[in-house]
């Protein structure tokens, strides 16, 4: 039984290393795939905030994965990493704040819960500003699902010669 477990672990190990080599692929709102690249990082204290109007004009959603930052442009995506637990969440900037000295980002309650800092109220975090690099615009999943039709060798030769085959020549 032990050799089987070792064999299983050795067969799964190469598969896990391939996924880290390719990097993290993230689907966007438009359905395209993106490879995420960190542009710059900040360290500081994060907090969460409650219901109010956003500076971007969007309706505030408590459960949305959004955040408030003083200087980053609206729509910027950032990865917030809790330095204590190493959990991370990707949020979109849609508001201004925080207005308390020493804090660098305010998260919505939904993002704070996912990060695991909701009950603590504040957390030391690393904020990574992300740049999306398009990998694939719209993947054609239908073409990949269809098997390729096989063409008989006689028809392939006729098609390459540019002649129209007759019915008797094909039989």
Protein backbone atom coordinates (compact mmCIF):
# COMPACT_ATOMS: atom_id res chain seq x y z
CA UNK A 1 0.00 0.00 0.00
CA UNK A 2 2.82 2.43 0.74
CA UNK A 3 4.52 2.02 -2.66
CA UNK A 4 1.19 2.84 -4.36
CA UNK A 5 0.93 6.13 -2.42
CA UNK A 6 4.49 7.10 -3.33
CA UNK A 7 3.85 6.24 -6.98
CA UNK A 8 0.67 8.32 -6.92
CA UNK A 9 2.45 11.32 -5.40
CA UNK A 10 5.26 11.09 -7.93
CA UNK A 11 2.77 11.04 -10.80
CA UNK A 12 0.82 14.07 -9.49
CA UNK A 13 3.88 16.22 -8.68
CA UNK A 14 4.75 17.13 -12.30
CA UNK A 15 1.17 18.27 -12.91
CA UNK A 16 1.28 20.74 -10.03
CA UNK A 17 4.60 22.19 -11.14
CA UNK A 18 3.24 22.86 -14.66
CA UNK A 19 0.45 25.06 -13.33
CA UNK A 20 2.85 27.26 -11.39
CA UNK A 21 5.15 27.59 -14.40
CA UNK A 22 2.39 29.03 -16.59
CA UNK A 23 1.41 31.65 -14.02
CA UNK A 24 -2.00 32.54 -12.76
CA UNK A 25 -4.71 32.79 -15.42
CA UNK A 26 -7.72 34.91 -14.48
CA UNK A 27 -10.98 35.18 -16.45
CA UNK A 28 -12.17 38.75 -16.97
CA UNK A 29 -15.70 40.14 -17.11
CA UNK A 30 -15.65 39.96 -20.93
CA UNK A 31 -14.80 36.25 -20.96
CA UNK A 32 -11.19 36.66 -22.09
CA UNK A 33 -8.34 35.01 -20.24
CA UNK A 34 -5.70 37.20 -18.64
CA UNK A 35 -2.32 36.54 -17.13
CA UNK A 36 -1.90 38.80 -14.12
CA UNK A 37 1.35 40.69 -13.60
CA UNK A 38 2.25 42.82 -10.56
CA UNK A 39 3.17 46.41 -11.46
CA UNK A 40 3.93 47.79 -7.98
CA UNK A 41 3.31 47.00 -4.31
CA UNK A 42 2.45 48.90 -1.14
CA UNK A 43 2.45 47.78 2.49
CA UNK A 44 0.23 49.15 5.20
CA UNK A 45 -2.97 48.67 7.12
CA UNK A 46 -6.28 47.71 5.53
CA UNK A 47 -9.72 48.12 7.01
CA UNK A 48 -13.25 47.44 5.82
CA UNK A 49 -16.04 49.95 5.39
CA UNK A 50 -19.80 49.89 5.30
CA UNK A 51 -22.60 51.23 3.12
CA UNK A 52 -22.32 54.66 1.48
CA UNK A 53 -22.21 56.18 -2.00
CA UNK A 54 -19.06 55.52 -3.99
CA UNK A 55 -16.94 58.28 -5.51
CA UNK A 56 -17.09 56.60 -8.93
CA UNK A 57 -20.89 56.85 -9.00
CA UNK A 58 -21.43 53.08 -8.77
CA UNK A 59 -24.03 51.73 -6.41
CA UNK A 60 -22.31 50.43 -3.28
CA UNK A 61 -22.56 46.65 -2.90
CA UNK A 62 -21.49 45.25 0.47
CA UNK A 63 -20.71 41.80 -0.98
CA UNK A 64 -18.85 42.97 -4.10
CA UNK A 65 -15.09 42.48 -4.46
CA UNK A 66 -14.32 46.21 -4.53
CA UNK A 67 -12.21 48.60 -2.49
CA UNK A 68 -11.39 52.25 -1.87
CA UNK A 69 -7.91 53.74 -2.46
CA UNK A 70 -6.73 57.34 -2.26
CA UNK A 71 -4.80 57.62 -5.55
CA UNK A 72 -5.30 54.59 -7.84
CA UNK A 73 -7.58 55.14 -10.85
CA UNK A 74 -11.09 53.68 -10.78
CA UNK A 75 -11.23 50.22 -12.35
CA UNK A 76 -7.68 49.27 -11.28
CA UNK A 77 -7.47 45.70 -10.04
CA UNK A 78 -5.31 45.00 -7.00
CA UNK A 79 -4.42 41.87 -5.08
CA UNK A 80 -4.62 42.37 -1.32
CA UNK A 81 -2.54 39.87 0.69
CA UNK A 82 -2.99 39.54 4.45
CA UNK A 83 0.55 39.34 5.83
CA UNK A 84 -0.56 37.34 8.89
CA UNK A 85 -2.54 34.59 7.15
CA UNK A 86 -1.14 34.88 3.56
CA UNK A 87 -4.70 34.79 2.19
CA UNK A 88 -5.30 37.01 -0.82
CA UNK A 89 -8.21 38.51 -2.72
CA UNK A 90 -8.38 40.44 -6.01
CA UNK A 91 -10.54 43.58 -5.81
CA UNK A 92 -11.40 46.45 -8.14
CA UNK A 93 -10.96 50.07 -7.04
CA UNK A 94 -14.26 51.98 -7.29
CA UNK A 95 -14.10 54.46 -4.39
CA UNK A 96 -11.84 56.96 -2.60
CA UNK A 97 -10.50 56.49 0.91
CA UNK A 98 -9.54 55.53 3.55
CA UNK A 99 -9.48 58.83 5.36
CA UNK A 100 -7.81 57.54 8.54
CA UNK A 101 -4.05 58.14 8.87
CA UNK A 102 -1.91 55.04 8.37
CA UNK A 103 -4.43 53.03 6.34
CA UNK A 104 -3.84 52.39 2.66
CA UNK A 105 -6.99 50.57 1.49
CA UNK A 106 -10.62 50.07 2.55
CA UNK A 107 -12.27 46.80 1.54
CA UNK A 108 -15.96 45.99 1.28
CA UNK A 109 -17.36 43.59 3.85
CA UNK A 110 -17.47 40.75 1.28
CA UNK A 111 -13.79 41.19 0.43
CA UNK A 112 -12.87 41.49 4.12
CA UNK A 113 -14.67 38.23 4.90
CA UNK A 114 -12.95 36.42 2.03
CA UNK A 115 -9.60 37.76 3.23
CA UNK A 116 -10.38 36.63 6.79
CA UNK A 117 -9.99 40.06 8.42
CA UNK A 118 -13.64 40.97 9.00
CA UNK A 119 -13.69 40.11 12.72
CA UNK A 120 -10.31 41.74 13.38
CA UNK A 121 -11.40 45.00 11.70
CA UNK A 122 -7.91 45.90 10.44
CA UNK A 123 -4.99 43.90 9.10
CA UNK A 124 -1.44 44.45 7.90
CA UNK A 125 -1.52 43.85 4.15
CA UNK A 126 0.47 44.02 0.95
CA UNK A 127 -1.39 45.67 -1.93
CA UNK A 128 -0.18 44.58 -5.38
CA UNK A 129 -1.34 46.71 -8.31
CA UNK A 130 -2.07 44.31 -11.17
CA UNK A 131 -1.78 44.70 -14.91
CA UNK A 132 -3.77 42.35 -17.11
CA UNK A 133 -2.00 40.90 -20.12
CA UNK A 134 -4.46 39.35 -22.61
CA UNK A 135 -3.60 35.74 -23.33
CA UNK A 136 -6.67 34.71 -25.32
CA UNK A 137 -9.46 37.01 -26.51
CA UNK A 138 -12.36 34.61 -26.97
CA UNK A 139 -11.54 30.93 -26.73
CA UNK A 140 -13.34 28.89 -29.39
CA UNK A 141 -14.57 26.03 -27.25
CA UNK A 142 -16.92 24.65 -29.93
CA UNK A 143 -14.09 24.04 -32.41
CA UNK A 144 -12.07 22.22 -29.77
CA UNK A 145 -15.03 19.97 -28.92
CA UNK A 146 -15.71 18.90 -32.53
CA UNK A 147 -13.61 16.01 -33.85
CA UNK A 148 -11.85 16.62 -37.15
CA UNK A 149 -13.53 14.98 -40.16
CA UNK A 150 -11.39 12.50 -41.93
CA UNK A 151 -11.16 12.86 -45.70
CA UNK A 152 -10.46 9.75 -47.79
CA UNK A 153 -7.02 9.83 -49.47
CA UNK A 154 -8.56 9.84 -53.00
CA UNK A 155 -10.46 13.04 -52.30
CA UNK A 156 -7.43 14.70 -50.71
CA UNK A 157 -5.35 14.04 -53.85
CA UNK A 158 -8.13 15.32 -56.14
CA UNK A 159 -8.63 18.44 -54.01
CA UNK A 160 -4.92 19.18 -54.13
CA UNK A 161 -4.87 18.80 -57.93
CA UNK A 162 -7.79 21.26 -58.25
CA UNK A 163 -9.98 18.90 -60.31
CA UNK A 164 -13.65 18.24 -59.67
CA UNK A 165 -14.11 14.52 -59.06
CA UNK A 166 -16.79 12.52 -60.80
CA UNK A 167 -18.97 10.09 -58.94
CA UNK A 168 -17.48 7.04 -60.66
CA UNK A 169 -13.92 8.06 -59.85
CA UNK A 170 -14.71 8.18 -56.16
CA UNK A 171 -16.02 4.66 -55.87
